[in-house]
C-alpha atoms as a PDB file:
ATOM      1  CA  UNK A   1       0.001   0.009  -0.003  1.00  0.00           C
ATOM      2  CA  UNK A   2       2.898   2.327   0.723  1.00  0.00           C
ATOM      3  CA  UNK A   3       4.231   1.933  -2.827  1.00  0.00           C
ATOM      4  CA  UNK A   4       0.804   2.743  -4.221  1.00  0.00           C
ATOM      5  CA  UNK A   5       0.602   5.954  -2.163  1.00  0.00           C
ATOM      6  CA  UNK A   6       4.060   6.985  -3.384  1.00  0.00           C
ATOM      7  CA  UNK A   7       3.001   6.268  -6.964  1.00  0.00           C
ATOM      8  CA  UNK A   8      -0.035   8.514  -6.577  1.00  0.00           C
ATOM      9  CA  UNK A   9       2.158  11.374  -5.351  1.00  0.00           C
ATOM     10  CA  UNK A  10       4.813  10.824  -7.981  1.00  0.00           C
ATOM     11  CA  UNK A  11       5.077  13.406 -10.754  1.00  0.00           C
ATOM     12  CA  UNK A  12       6.546  10.787 -13.036  1.00  0.00           C
ATOM     13  CA  UNK A  13       3.342   8.768 -12.832  1.00  0.00           C
ATOM     14  CA  UNK A  14       1.268  11.863 -13.622  1.00  0.00           C
ATOM     15  CA  UNK A  15       3.454  12.558 -16.639  1.00  0.00           C
ATOM     16  CA  UNK A  16       3.089   8.987 -17.839  1.00  0.00           C
ATOM     17  CA  UNK A  17      -0.700   9.255 -17.546  1.00  0.00           C
ATOM     18  CA  UNK A  18      -0.691  12.513 -19.481  1.00  0.00           C
ATOM     19  CA  UNK A  19       1.415  10.970 -22.257  1.00  0.00           C
ATOM     20  CA  UNK A  20      -0.973   8.033 -22.331  1.00  0.00           C
ATOM     21  CA  UNK A  21      -3.945  10.333 -22.756  1.00  0.00           C
ATOM     22  CA  UNK A  22      -2.193  12.249 -25.509  1.00  0.00           C
ATOM     23  CA  UNK A  23      -1.358   8.979 -27.274  1.00  0.00           C
ATOM     24  CA  UNK A  24      -4.971   7.821 -26.987  1.00  0.00           C
ATOM     25  CA  UNK A  25      -6.173  11.125 -28.474  1.00  0.00           C
ATOM     26  CA  UNK A  26      -3.757  10.829 -31.379  1.00  0.00           C
ATOM     27  CA  UNK A  27      -4.913   7.256 -31.969  1.00  0.00           C
ATOM     28  CA  UNK A  28      -8.590   8.268 -32.032  1.00  0.00           C
ATOM     29  CA  UNK A  29      -7.871  11.157 -34.395  1.00  0.00           C
ATOM     30  CA  UNK A  30      -5.905   8.856 -36.724  1.00  0.00           C
ATOM     31  CA  UNK A  31      -8.655   6.272 -36.648  1.00  0.00           C
ATOM     32  CA  UNK A  32     -11.289   8.873 -37.568  1.00  0.00           C
ATOM     33  CA  UNK A  33      -9.095  10.215 -40.391  1.00  0.00           C
ATOM     34  CA  UNK A  34      -8.420   6.756 -41.791  1.00  0.00           C
ATOM     35  CA  UNK A  35     -12.135   5.904 -41.703  1.00  0.00           C
ATOM     36  CA  UNK A  36     -13.003   9.084 -43.562  1.00  0.00           C
ATOM     37  CA  UNK A  37     -10.347   8.432 -46.205  1.00  0.00           C
ATOM     38  CA  UNK A  38     -11.533   4.848 -46.573  1.00  0.00           C
ATOM     39  CA  UNK A  39     -15.125   5.911 -47.117  1.00  0.00           C
ATOM     40  CA  UNK A  40     -14.055   8.563 -49.627  1.00  0.00           C
ATOM     41  CA  UNK A  41     -11.905   6.121 -51.565  1.00  0.00           C
ATOM     42  CA  UNK A  42     -14.703   3.551 -51.582  1.00  0.00           C
ATOM     43  CA  UNK A  43     -17.141   6.111 -52.962  1.00  0.00           C
ATOM     44  CA  UNK A  44     -14.632   7.159 -55.637  1.00  0.00           C
ATOM     45  CA  UNK A  45     -14.041   3.585 -56.816  1.00  0.00           C
ATOM     46  CA  UNK A  46     -17.783   2.893 -56.846  1.00  0.00           C
ATOM     47  CA  UNK A  47     -18.219   5.895 -59.134  1.00  0.00           C
ATOM     48  CA  UNK A  48     -15.382   4.707 -61.377  1.00  0.00           C
ATOM     49  CA  UNK A  49     -16.928   1.248 -61.512  1.00  0.00           C
ATOM     50  CA  UNK A  50     -20.423   2.420 -62.391  1.00  0.00           C
ATOM     51  CA  UNK A  51     -19.106   4.880 -64.977  1.00  0.00           C
ATOM     52  CA  UNK A  52     -17.019   2.146 -66.559  1.00  0.00           C
ATOM     53  CA  UNK A  53     -19.967  -0.247 -66.694  1.00  0.00           C
ATOM     54  CA  UNK A  54     -22.149   2.423 -68.252  1.00  0.00           C
ATOM     55  CA  UNK A  55     -19.499   3.237 -70.836  1.00  0.00           C
ATOM     56  CA  UNK A  56     -19.025  -0.402 -71.796  1.00  0.00           C
ATOM     57  CA  UNK A  57     -22.747  -1.068 -72.096  1.00  0.00           C
ATOM     58  CA  UNK A  58     -23.301   2.008 -74.274  1.00  0.00           C
ATOM     59  CA  UNK A  59     -25.535   3.908 -71.857  1.00  0.00           C
END
């Protein structure tokens, strides 16, 4: 229990927690960005596909 109390008072532990929170925020932002890019790329290729099919069928 004494080690736990020292850990709570330690500034190194607080810094580690802050870095962990920053890392989690960066991860969430990257995940959101990659999802948006993936959806955009998917929509683009769907448009290319449907345009190609229309062009080949003469529509």
